Amino acid sequence: VTAIPLFKASCSAAGVVVIFDRDIYACRTDPQLPCGKFELATACAFLSWAFSATSALVMFWLLASL
């Protein structure tokens, strides 16, 4: 159940990273922005979603096998 909102949050964070980095070049013009940390946090959010989705699939599989 929590995998869907986590995926939505990861996608919106990735959209913000793309806007900042590639569309408005905010990361290049303002070196005070922690863009590298935000990109790392977004990658960790996607990794967390992948683990959460895998866990949910395994739990459903175990439930179905009972």
C-alpha atoms as a PDB file:
ATOM      1  CA  VAL A   1       0.000   0.000   0.000  1.00  0.00           C
ATOM      2  CA  THR A   2       2.790   2.413   0.796  1.00  0.00           C
ATOM      3  CA  ALA A   3       4.707   1.596  -2.380  1.00  0.00           C
ATOM      4  CA  ILE A   4       2.379   3.656  -4.577  1.00  0.00           C
ATOM      5  CA  PRO A   5       2.711   6.967  -2.661  1.00  0.00           C
ATOM      6  CA  LEU A   6       6.449   6.341  -2.339  1.00  0.00           C
ATOM      7  CA  PHE A   7       6.700   5.911  -6.112  1.00  0.00           C
ATOM      8  CA  LYS A   8       4.712   9.116  -6.662  1.00  0.00           C
ATOM      9  CA  ALA A   9       7.017  11.030  -4.322  1.00  0.00           C
ATOM     10  CA  SER A  10      10.098   9.611  -6.048  1.00  0.00           C
ATOM     11  CA  CYS A  11       8.797  10.625  -9.468  1.00  0.00           C
ATOM     12  CA  SER A  12       7.975  14.154  -8.350  1.00  0.00           C
ATOM     13  CA  ALA A  13      11.419  14.525  -6.769  1.00  0.00           C
ATOM     14  CA  ALA A  14      13.006  13.311 -10.002  1.00  0.00           C
ATOM     15  CA  GLY A  15      10.951  15.888 -11.900  1.00  0.00           C
ATOM     16  CA  VAL A  16      12.289  18.647  -9.677  1.00  0.00           C
ATOM     17  CA  VAL A  17      15.851  17.408 -10.231  1.00  0.00           C
ATOM     18  CA  VAL A  18      15.349  17.501 -14.010  1.00  0.00           C
ATOM     19  CA  ILE A  19      13.864  20.990 -13.872  1.00  0.00           C
ATOM     20  CA  PHE A  20      16.670  22.337 -11.681  1.00  0.00           C
ATOM     21  CA  ASP A  21      19.519  20.643 -13.478  1.00  0.00           C
ATOM     22  CA  ARG A  22      18.556  20.599 -17.149  1.00  0.00           C
ATOM     23  CA  ASP A  23      15.761  23.067 -17.781  1.00  0.00           C
ATOM     24  CA  ILE A  24      16.535  26.202 -15.785  1.00  0.00           C
ATOM     25  CA  TYR A  25      20.230  25.457 -15.065  1.00  0.00           C
ATOM     26  CA  ALA A  26      19.746  26.467 -11.434  1.00  0.00           C
ATOM     27  CA  CYS A  27      22.445  24.089 -10.253  1.00  0.00           C
ATOM     28  CA  ARG A  28      25.037  25.689 -12.506  1.00  0.00           C
ATOM     29  CA  THR A  29      24.136  29.312 -11.873  1.00  0.00           C
ATOM     30  CA  ASP A  30      23.724  29.084  -8.083  1.00  0.00           C
ATOM     31  CA  PRO A  31      26.463  26.990  -6.466  1.00  0.00           C
ATOM     32  CA  GLN A  32      24.803  27.373  -3.050  1.00  0.00           C
ATOM     33  CA  LEU A  33      22.050  24.900  -3.984  1.00  0.00           C
ATOM     34  CA  PRO A  34      22.746  21.361  -2.737  1.00  0.00           C
ATOM     35  CA  CYS A  35      21.856  19.732  -6.073  1.00  0.00           C
ATOM     36  CA  GLY A  36      24.150  16.760  -5.597  1.00  0.00           C
ATOM     37  CA  LYS A  37      22.562  15.911  -2.275  1.00  0.00           C
ATOM     38  CA  PHE A  38      19.093  16.271  -3.766  1.00  0.00           C
ATOM     39  CA  GLU A  39      19.984  13.933  -6.628  1.00  0.00           C
ATOM     40  CA  LEU A  40      21.352  11.408  -4.124  1.00  0.00           C
ATOM     41  CA  ALA A  41      18.172  11.681  -2.034  1.00  0.00           C
ATOM     42  CA  THR A  42      16.073  11.091  -5.150  1.00  0.00           C
ATOM     43  CA  ALA A  43      18.107   8.011  -6.052  1.00  0.00           C
ATOM     44  CA  CYS A  44      17.675   6.704  -2.508  1.00  0.00           C
ATOM     45  CA  ALA A  45      13.927   7.310  -2.752  1.00  0.00           C
ATOM     46  CA  PHE A  46      13.730   5.192  -5.916  1.00  0.00           C
ATOM     47  CA  LEU A  47      15.848   2.503  -4.269  1.00  0.00           C
ATOM     48  CA  SER A  48      13.545   2.560  -1.249  1.00  0.00           C
ATOM     49  CA  TRP A  49      10.534   2.221  -3.553  1.00  0.00           C
ATOM     50  CA  ALA A  50      12.106  -0.750  -5.288  1.00  0.00           C
ATOM     51  CA  PHE A  51      12.724  -2.504  -1.976  1.00  0.00           C
ATOM     52  CA  SER A  52       9.219  -1.688  -0.755  1.00  0.00           C
ATOM     53  CA  ALA A  53       7.604  -2.975  -3.955  1.00  0.00           C
ATOM     54  CA  THR A  54       9.704  -6.147  -3.847  1.00  0.00           C
ATOM     55  CA  SER A  55       8.723  -6.716  -0.234  1.00  0.00           C
ATOM     56  CA  ALA A  56       5.047  -6.248  -1.055  1.00  0.00           C
ATOM     57  CA  LEU A  57       5.239  -8.728  -3.938  1.00  0.00           C
ATOM     58  CA  VAL A  58       6.963 -11.313  -1.755  1.00  0.00           C
ATOM     59  CA  MET A  59       4.364 -10.877   0.981  1.00  0.00           C
ATOM     60  CA  PHE A  60       1.511 -11.302  -1.510  1.00  0.00           C
ATOM     61  CA  TRP A  61       3.212 -14.402  -2.897  1.00  0.00           C
ATOM     62  CA  LEU A  62       3.602 -15.872   0.589  1.00  0.00           C
ATOM     63  CA  LEU A  63      -0.019 -15.073   1.383  1.00  0.00           C
ATOM     64  CA  ALA A  64      -1.193 -16.749  -1.816  1.00  0.00           C
ATOM     65  CA  SER A  65       0.846 -19.871  -1.092  1.00  0.00           C
ATOM     66  CA  LEU A  66      -0.859 -20.492   2.264  1.00  0.00           C
END
